[in-house]
Amino acid sequence: MLGNYFEYDYLASCHRFFCIFTTAKKEFVHTVFHLFVLLGLASHIYAAWLIPL
């Protein structure tokens, strides 16, 4: 009984760590995506300002 408790606790902690890791990875990818969106927006605004000159 006690062995099962520790085994379950170990699996739960690994699952918790995996969830935190995957969430951090998703947030990192999400942040990089937003940086590319902002870079694209900035380049389009710059081009729109530059073209009439």
PDB file of N, CA and C in Angstrom:
ATOM      1  N   MET A   1       0.825  -1.199   0.000  1.00  0.00           N
ATOM      2  CA  MET A   1       0.000   0.000   0.000  1.00  0.00           C
ATOM      3  C   MET A   1       0.868   1.261   0.000  1.00  0.00           C
ATOM      4  N   LEU A   2       1.878   1.272   0.883  1.00  0.00           N
ATOM      5  CA  LEU A   2       2.744   2.440   0.959  1.00  0.00           C
ATOM      6  C   LEU A   2       3.566   2.602  -0.323  1.00  0.00           C
ATOM      7  N   GLY A   3       4.006   1.476  -0.882  1.00  0.00           N
ATOM      8  CA  GLY A   3       4.757   1.530  -2.132  1.00  0.00           C
ATOM      9  C   GLY A   3       3.928   2.117  -3.257  1.00  0.00           C
ATOM     10  N   ASN A   4       2.667   1.762  -3.317  1.00  0.00           N
ATOM     11  CA  ASN A   4       1.791   2.313  -4.348  1.00  0.00           C
ATOM     12  C   ASN A   4       1.614   3.815  -4.172  1.00  0.00           C
ATOM     13  N   TYR A   5       1.551   4.261  -2.918  1.00  0.00           N
ATOM     14  CA  TYR A   5       1.391   5.696  -2.662  1.00  0.00           C
ATOM     15  C   TYR A   5       2.600   6.466  -3.211  1.00  0.00           C
ATOM     16  N   PHE A   6       3.804   5.978  -2.900  1.00  0.00           N
ATOM     17  CA  PHE A   6       4.995   6.679  -3.370  1.00  0.00           C
ATOM     18  C   PHE A   6       5.115   6.605  -4.889  1.00  0.00           C
ATOM     19  N   GLU A   7       4.761   5.472  -5.454  1.00  0.00           N
ATOM     20  CA  GLU A   7       4.807   5.330  -6.903  1.00  0.00           C
ATOM     21  C   GLU A   7       3.824   6.309  -7.550  1.00  0.00           C
ATOM     22  N   TYR A   8       2.635   6.421  -6.996  1.00  0.00           N
ATOM     23  CA  TYR A   8       1.634   7.349  -7.520  1.00  0.00           C
ATOM     24  C   TYR A   8       2.119   8.785  -7.377  1.00  0.00           C
ATOM     25  N   ASP A   9       2.710   9.094  -6.224  1.00  0.00           N
ATOM     26  CA  ASP A   9       3.196  10.446  -5.987  1.00  0.00           C
ATOM     27  C   ASP A   9       4.317  10.789  -6.971  1.00  0.00           C
ATOM     28  N   TYR A  10       5.195   9.830  -7.235  1.00  0.00           N
ATOM     29  CA  TYR A  10       6.279  10.048  -8.194  1.00  0.00           C
ATOM     30  C   TYR A  10       5.713  10.312  -9.583  1.00  0.00           C
ATOM     31  N   LEU A  11       4.747   9.511 -10.002  1.00  0.00           N
ATOM     32  CA  LEU A  11       4.143   9.706 -11.322  1.00  0.00           C
ATOM     33  C   LEU A  11       3.415  11.038 -11.393  1.00  0.00           C
ATOM     34  N   ALA A  12       2.742  11.401 -10.303  1.00  0.00           N
ATOM     35  CA  ALA A  12       2.026  12.675 -10.291  1.00  0.00           C
ATOM     36  C   ALA A  12       3.007  13.838 -10.392  1.00  0.00           C
ATOM     37  N   SER A  13       4.136  13.746  -9.697  1.00  0.00           N
ATOM     38  CA  SER A  13       5.104  14.838  -9.754  1.00  0.00           C
ATOM     39  C   SER A  13       5.732  14.927 -11.144  1.00  0.00           C
ATOM     40  N   CYS A  14       5.991  13.780 -11.769  1.00  0.00           N
ATOM     41  CA  CYS A  14       6.519  13.795 -13.140  1.00  0.00           C
ATOM     42  C   CYS A  14       5.498  14.405 -14.094  1.00  0.00           C
ATOM     43  N   HIS A  15       4.248  14.050 -13.927  1.00  0.00           N
ATOM     44  CA  HIS A  15       3.195  14.600 -14.779  1.00  0.00           C
ATOM     45  C   HIS A  15       3.073  16.102 -14.574  1.00  0.00           C
ATOM     46  N   ARG A  16       3.175  16.540 -13.312  1.00  0.00           N
ATOM     47  CA  ARG A  16       3.097  17.966 -13.007  1.00  0.00           C
ATOM     48  C   ARG A  16       4.245  18.704 -13.686  1.00  0.00           C
ATOM     49  N   PHE A  17       5.466  18.157 -13.584  1.00  0.00           N
ATOM     50  CA  PHE A  17       6.627  18.779 -14.221  1.00  0.00           C
ATOM     51  C   PHE A  17       6.449  18.817 -15.733  1.00  0.00           C
ATOM     52  N   PHE A  18       5.944  17.726 -16.310  1.00  0.00           N
ATOM     53  CA  PHE A  18       5.740  17.672 -17.758  1.00  0.00           C
ATOM     54  C   PHE A  18       4.728  18.723 -18.195  1.00  0.00           C
ATOM     55  N   CYS A  19       3.668  18.896 -17.417  1.00  0.00           N
ATOM     56  CA  CYS A  19       2.654  19.903 -17.752  1.00  0.00           C
ATOM     57  C   CYS A  19       3.240  21.308 -17.679  1.00  0.00           C
ATOM     58  N   ILE A  20       4.055  21.555 -16.650  1.00  0.00           N
ATOM     59  CA  ILE A  20       4.686  22.874 -16.528  1.00  0.00           C
ATOM     60  C   ILE A  20       5.630  23.103 -17.704  1.00  0.00           C
ATOM     61  N   PHE A  21       6.397  22.072 -18.063  1.00  0.00           N
ATOM     62  CA  PHE A  21       7.340  22.189 -19.178  1.00  0.00           C
ATOM     63  C   PHE A  21       6.615  22.452 -20.490  1.00  0.00           C
ATOM     64  N   THR A  22       5.541  21.695 -20.759  1.00  0.00           N
ATOM     65  CA  THR A  22       4.822  21.887 -22.021  1.00  0.00           C
ATOM     66  C   THR A  22       4.127  23.238 -22.047  1.00  0.00           C
ATOM     67  N   THR A  23       3.622  23.696 -20.902  1.00  0.00           N
ATOM     68  CA  THR A  23       2.994  25.018 -20.851  1.00  0.00           C
ATOM     69  C   THR A  23       4.035  26.098 -21.128  1.00  0.00           C
ATOM     70  N   ALA A  24       5.216  25.977 -20.531  1.00  0.00           N
ATOM     71  CA  ALA A  24       6.278  26.954 -20.775  1.00  0.00           C
ATOM     72  C   ALA A  24       6.694  26.939 -22.244  1.00  0.00           C
ATOM     73  N   LYS A  25       6.762  25.749 -22.826  1.00  0.00           N
ATOM     74  CA  LYS A  25       7.129  25.640 -24.241  1.00  0.00           C
ATOM     75  C   LYS A  25       6.073  26.309 -25.117  1.00  0.00           C
ATOM     76  N   LYS A  26       4.797  26.060 -24.816  1.00  0.00           N
ATOM     77  CA  LYS A  26       3.726  26.682 -25.599  1.00  0.00           C
ATOM     78  C   LYS A  26       3.766  28.197 -25.466  1.00  0.00           C
ATOM     79  N   GLU A  27       4.013  28.695 -24.251  1.00  0.00           N
ATOM     80  CA  GLU A  27       4.078  30.141 -24.048  1.00  0.00           C
ATOM     81  C   GLU A  27       5.274  30.745 -24.784  1.00  0.00           C
ATOM     82  N   PHE A  28       6.396  30.026 -24.818  1.00  0.00           N
ATOM     83  CA  PHE A  28       7.567  30.514 -25.546  1.00  0.00           C
ATOM     84  C   PHE A  28       7.267  30.606 -27.039  1.00  0.00           C
ATOM     85  N   VAL A  29       6.660  29.566 -27.594  1.00  0.00           N
ATOM     86  CA  VAL A  29       6.295  29.564 -29.014  1.00  0.00           C
ATOM     87  C   VAL A  29       5.290  30.681 -29.292  1.00  0.00           C
ATOM     88  N   HIS A  30       4.352  30.871 -28.387  1.00  0.00           N
ATOM     89  CA  HIS A  30       3.355  31.925 -28.515  1.00  0.00           C
ATOM     90  C   HIS A  30       4.023  33.298 -28.514  1.00  0.00           C
ATOM     91  N   THR A  31       5.006  33.493 -27.642  1.00  0.00           N
ATOM     92  CA  THR A  31       5.730  34.762 -27.576  1.00  0.00           C
ATOM     93  C   THR A  31       6.518  35.011 -28.853  1.00  0.00           C
ATOM     94  N   VAL A  32       7.206  33.994 -29.356  1.00  0.00           N
ATOM     95  CA  VAL A  32       7.965  34.141 -30.605  1.00  0.00           C
ATOM     96  C   VAL A  32       7.023  34.472 -31.759  1.00  0.00           C
ATOM     97  N   PHE A  33       5.859  33.821 -31.785  1.00  0.00           N
ATOM     98  CA  PHE A  33       4.866  34.111 -32.819  1.00  0.00           C
ATOM     99  C   PHE A  33       4.449  35.583 -32.768  1.00  0.00           C
ATOM    100  N   HIS A  34       4.190  36.088 -31.560  1.00  0.00           N
ATOM    101  CA  HIS A  34       3.788  37.491 -31.435  1.00  0.00           C
ATOM    102  C   HIS A  34       4.917  38.433 -31.838  1.00  0.00           C
ATOM    103  N   LEU A  35       6.153  38.071 -31.549  1.00  0.00           N
ATOM    104  CA  LEU A  35       7.272  38.905 -31.979  1.00  0.00           C
ATOM    105  C   LEU A  35       7.342  38.981 -33.500  1.00  0.00           C
ATOM    106  N   PHE A  36       7.115  37.854 -34.178  1.00  0.00           N
ATOM    107  CA  PHE A  36       7.096  37.867 -35.642  1.00  0.00           C
ATOM    108  C   PHE A  36       5.921  38.690 -36.174  1.00  0.00           C
ATOM    109  N   VAL A  37       4.776  38.602 -35.517  1.00  0.00           N
ATOM    110  CA  VAL A  37       3.618  39.401 -35.936  1.00  0.00           C
ATOM    111  C   VAL A  37       3.930  40.886 -35.791  1.00  0.00           C
ATOM    112  N   LEU A  38       4.522  41.269 -34.655  1.00  0.00           N
ATOM    113  CA  LEU A  38       4.871  42.676 -34.450  1.00  0.00           C
ATOM    114  C   LEU A  38       5.941  43.134 -35.438  1.00  0.00           C
ATOM    115  N   LEU A  39       6.897  42.273 -35.731  1.00  0.00           N
ATOM    116  CA  LEU A  39       7.928  42.610 -36.711  1.00  0.00           C
ATOM    117  C   LEU A  39       7.314  42.811 -38.092  1.00  0.00           C
ATOM    118  N   GLY A  40       6.386  41.934 -38.466  1.00  0.00           N
ATOM    119  CA  GLY A  40       5.701  42.074 -39.747  1.00  0.00           C
ATOM    120  C   GLY A  40       4.861  43.335 -39.810  1.00  0.00           C
ATOM    121  N   LEU A  41       4.179  43.632 -38.723  1.00  0.00           N
ATOM    122  CA  LEU A  41       3.365  44.848 -38.668  1.00  0.00           C
ATOM    123  C   LEU A  41       4.246  46.084 -38.783  1.00  0.00           C
ATOM    124  N   ALA A  42       5.355  46.087 -38.058  1.00  0.00           N
ATOM    125  CA  ALA A  42       6.267  47.232 -38.109  1.00  0.00           C
ATOM    126  C   ALA A  42       6.848  47.409 -39.509  1.00  0.00           C
ATOM    127  N   SER A  43       7.205  46.317 -40.162  1.00  0.00           N
ATOM    128  CA  SER A  43       7.783  46.437 -41.504  1.00  0.00           C
ATOM    129  C   SER A  43       6.741  46.929 -42.506  1.00  0.00           C
ATOM    130  N   HIS A  44       5.489  46.515 -42.340  1.00  0.00           N
ATOM    131  CA  HIS A  44       4.435  47.001 -43.238  1.00  0.00           C
ATOM    132  C   HIS A  44       4.157  48.481 -43.006  1.00  0.00           C
ATOM    133  N   ILE A  45       4.152  48.903 -41.760  1.00  0.00           N
ATOM    134  CA  ILE A  45       3.941  50.331 -41.467  1.00  0.00           C
ATOM    135  C   ILE A  45       5.104  51.150 -42.027  1.00  0.00           C
ATOM    136  N   TYR A  46       6.324  50.660 -41.843  1.00  0.00           N
ATOM    137  CA  TYR A  46       7.500  51.361 -42.373  1.00  0.00           C
ATOM    138  C   TYR A  46       7.443  51.441 -43.892  1.00  0.00           C
ATOM    139  N   ALA A  47       7.061  50.346 -44.549  1.00  0.00           N
ATOM    140  CA  ALA A  47       6.974  50.344 -46.014  1.00  0.00           C
ATOM    141  C   ALA A  47       5.880  51.297 -46.489  1.00  0.00           C
ATOM    142  N   ALA A  48       4.756  51.333 -45.784  1.00  0.00           N
ATOM    143  CA  ALA A  48       3.668  52.230 -46.177  1.00  0.00           C
ATOM    144  C   ALA A  48       4.081  53.692 -46.013  1.00  0.00           C
ATOM    145  N   TRP A  49       4.948  53.963 -45.037  1.00  0.00           N
ATOM    146  CA  TRP A  49       5.432  55.325 -44.840  1.00  0.00           C
ATOM    147  C   TRP A  49       6.510  55.667 -45.868  1.00  0.00           C
ATOM    148  N   LEU A  50       7.284  54.650 -46.286  1.00  0.00           N
ATOM    149  CA  LEU A  50       8.419  54.879 -47.176  1.00  0.00           C
ATOM    150  C   LEU A  50       7.990  55.003 -48.638  1.00  0.00           C
ATOM    151  N   ILE A  51       6.971  54.265 -49.053  1.00  0.00           N
ATOM    152  CA  ILE A  51       6.577  54.213 -50.465  1.00  0.00           C
ATOM    153  C   ILE A  51       6.194  55.596 -51.022  1.00  0.00           C
ATOM    154  N   PRO A  52       5.393  56.403 -50.316  1.00  0.00           N
ATOM    155  CA  PRO A  52       5.023  57.700 -50.914  1.00  0.00           C
ATOM    156  C   PRO A  52       6.178  58.693 -51.030  1.00  0.00           C
ATOM    157  N   LEU A  53       7.288  58.456 -50.347  1.00  0.00           N
ATOM    158  CA  LEU A  53       8.388  59.433 -50.382  1.00  0.00           C
ATOM    159  C   LEU A  53       9.124  59.435 -51.710  1.00  0.00           C
TER     160      LEU A  53
END
